[in-house]
Amino acid sequence: MMNAEESQRWWQRDDLAYRGEELFFADNSVSVLAQRFGSPAFVYSFARVRDNLERVHAALRDANLPVGYTLLYAMKANRFA
């Protein structure tokens, strides 16, 4: 079971976390991103997308599939956009 502090920050990861009182995503201040692009804005981390694709590719490669495969990537659509 998580303690109170852990449950408040369960979503944090290396590229999404508070630094002091300010939220950062992929080494960018979220407040600066909002000022620059407006709100709402959808911001993606190329490094995170690349790492996710590499993990999927590795899992498929390690599965020793009897046939080849093609990886096609799409960003999740937002029904409110």
C-alpha atoms as a PDB file:
ATOM      1  CA  MET A   1       0.000   0.000   0.000  1.00  0.00           C
ATOM      2  CA  MET A   2       1.260   3.488  -0.889  1.00  0.00           C
ATOM      3  CA  ASN A   3       1.766   6.120   1.754  1.00  0.00           C
ATOM      4  CA  ALA A   4       0.235   9.598   1.331  1.00  0.00           C
ATOM      5  CA  GLU A   5       3.303  11.089  -0.377  1.00  0.00           C
ATOM      6  CA  GLU A   6       3.624   8.189  -2.832  1.00  0.00           C
ATOM      7  CA  SER A   7      -0.055   8.293  -3.748  1.00  0.00           C
ATOM      8  CA  GLN A   8       0.169  12.003  -4.557  1.00  0.00           C
ATOM      9  CA  ARG A   9       3.072  11.438  -6.950  1.00  0.00           C
ATOM     10  CA  TRP A  10       2.281   7.993  -8.419  1.00  0.00           C
ATOM     11  CA  TRP A  11       2.269   9.431 -11.949  1.00  0.00           C
ATOM     12  CA  GLN A  12       5.738  10.963 -11.806  1.00  0.00           C
ATOM     13  CA  ARG A  13       8.525   9.494 -13.903  1.00  0.00           C
ATOM     14  CA  ASP A  14      11.941  10.646 -15.129  1.00  0.00           C
ATOM     15  CA  ASP A  15      10.495  12.899 -17.835  1.00  0.00           C
ATOM     16  CA  LEU A  16       7.389  14.113 -15.940  1.00  0.00           C
ATOM     17  CA  ALA A  17       7.848  15.443 -12.424  1.00  0.00           C
ATOM     18  CA  TYR A  18       7.809  18.452 -10.187  1.00  0.00           C
ATOM     19  CA  ARG A  19      11.054  20.328  -9.637  1.00  0.00           C
ATOM     20  CA  GLY A  20      10.336  22.336  -6.563  1.00  0.00           C
ATOM     21  CA  GLU A  21       6.924  23.890  -7.175  1.00  0.00           C
ATOM     22  CA  GLU A  22       7.052  23.685 -10.987  1.00  0.00           C
ATOM     23  CA  LEU A  23       5.944  20.815 -13.229  1.00  0.00           C
ATOM     24  CA  PHE A  24       8.365  19.736 -15.959  1.00  0.00           C
ATOM     25  CA  PHE A  25       7.829  17.477 -18.959  1.00  0.00           C
ATOM     26  CA  ALA A  26      10.792  16.297 -21.045  1.00  0.00           C
ATOM     27  CA  ASP A  27      13.016  18.961 -19.439  1.00  0.00           C
ATOM     28  CA  ASN A  28      10.531  21.719 -20.306  1.00  0.00           C
ATOM     29  CA  SER A  29       8.533  23.799 -17.860  1.00  0.00           C
ATOM     30  CA  VAL A  30       4.866  22.985 -18.409  1.00  0.00           C
ATOM     31  CA  SER A  31       3.890  26.582 -17.637  1.00  0.00           C
ATOM     32  CA  VAL A  32       6.289  27.835 -20.337  1.00  0.00           C
ATOM     33  CA  LEU A  33       4.868  25.294 -22.805  1.00  0.00           C
ATOM     34  CA  ALA A  34       1.334  26.481 -21.993  1.00  0.00           C
ATOM     35  CA  GLN A  35       2.340  30.120 -22.533  1.00  0.00           C
ATOM     36  CA  ARG A  36       3.996  29.268 -25.835  1.00  0.00           C
ATOM     37  CA  PHE A  37       1.383  26.910 -27.318  1.00  0.00           C
ATOM     38  CA  GLY A  38      -1.775  27.807 -25.411  1.00  0.00           C
ATOM     39  CA  SER A  39      -4.009  25.499 -23.465  1.00  0.00           C
ATOM     40  CA  PRO A  40      -5.065  22.859 -24.013  1.00  0.00           C
ATOM     41  CA  ALA A  41      -1.999  21.661 -25.877  1.00  0.00           C
ATOM     42  CA  PHE A  42      -0.781  18.158 -26.583  1.00  0.00           C
ATOM     43  CA  VAL A  43       2.954  17.767 -26.056  1.00  0.00           C
ATOM     44  CA  TYR A  44       4.806  14.555 -26.793  1.00  0.00           C
ATOM     45  CA  SER A  45       8.300  13.414 -25.908  1.00  0.00           C
ATOM     46  CA  PHE A  46      10.191  12.062 -28.911  1.00  0.00           C
ATOM     47  CA  ALA A  47      12.501  10.163 -26.547  1.00  0.00           C
ATOM     48  CA  ARG A  48       9.555   8.456 -24.807  1.00  0.00           C
ATOM     49  CA  VAL A  49       7.882   7.525 -28.106  1.00  0.00           C
ATOM     50  CA  ARG A  50      11.191   6.167 -29.425  1.00  0.00           C
ATOM     51  CA  ASP A  51      11.821   4.168 -26.232  1.00  0.00           C
ATOM     52  CA  ASN A  52       8.300   2.693 -26.334  1.00  0.00           C
ATOM     53  CA  LEU A  53       8.740   1.656 -29.969  1.00  0.00           C
ATOM     54  CA  GLU A  54      12.113   0.102 -29.197  1.00  0.00           C
ATOM     55  CA  ARG A  55      10.554  -1.941 -26.358  1.00  0.00           C
ATOM     56  CA  VAL A  56       7.761  -3.203 -28.624  1.00  0.00           C
ATOM     57  CA  HIS A  57      10.260  -4.011 -31.371  1.00  0.00           C
ATOM     58  CA  ALA A  58      12.483  -5.916 -28.910  1.00  0.00           C
ATOM     59  CA  ALA A  59       9.529  -7.917 -27.571  1.00  0.00           C
ATOM     60  CA  LEU A  60       8.435  -8.878 -31.093  1.00  0.00           C
ATOM     61  CA  ARG A  61      11.992  -9.752 -32.088  1.00  0.00           C
ATOM     62  CA  ASP A  62      12.462 -11.875 -28.951  1.00  0.00           C
ATOM     63  CA  ALA A  63       9.158 -13.680 -29.581  1.00  0.00           C
ATOM     64  CA  ASN A  64      10.772 -15.496 -32.536  1.00  0.00           C
ATOM     65  CA  LEU A  65       7.646 -15.112 -34.638  1.00  0.00           C
ATOM     66  CA  PRO A  66       7.410 -17.486 -37.611  1.00  0.00           C
ATOM     67  CA  VAL A  67       6.617 -14.531 -39.899  1.00  0.00           C
ATOM     68  CA  GLY A  68       7.851 -10.968 -40.184  1.00  0.00           C
ATOM     69  CA  TYR A  69       6.001  -7.980 -38.815  1.00  0.00           C
ATOM     70  CA  THR A  70       5.530  -4.305 -39.519  1.00  0.00           C
ATOM     71  CA  LEU A  71       5.247  -1.766 -36.730  1.00  0.00           C
ATOM     72  CA  LEU A  72       2.826   1.067 -37.480  1.00  0.00           C
ATOM     73  CA  TYR A  73       2.598   3.756 -34.815  1.00  0.00           C
ATOM     74  CA  ALA A  74      -0.233   6.208 -34.240  1.00  0.00           C
ATOM     75  CA  MET A  75      -0.803   8.827 -31.576  1.00  0.00           C
ATOM     76  CA  LYS A  76      -3.965   8.455 -29.543  1.00  0.00           C
ATOM     77  CA  ALA A  77      -6.784  10.557 -30.939  1.00  0.00           C
ATOM     78  CA  ASN A  78      -8.453  13.070 -28.652  1.00  0.00           C
ATOM     79  CA  ARG A  79     -12.215  13.154 -28.990  1.00  0.00           C
ATOM     80  CA  PHE A  80     -12.310  16.712 -27.610  1.00  0.00           C
ATOM     81  CA  ALA A  81     -10.011  18.220 -30.256  1.00  0.00           C
END
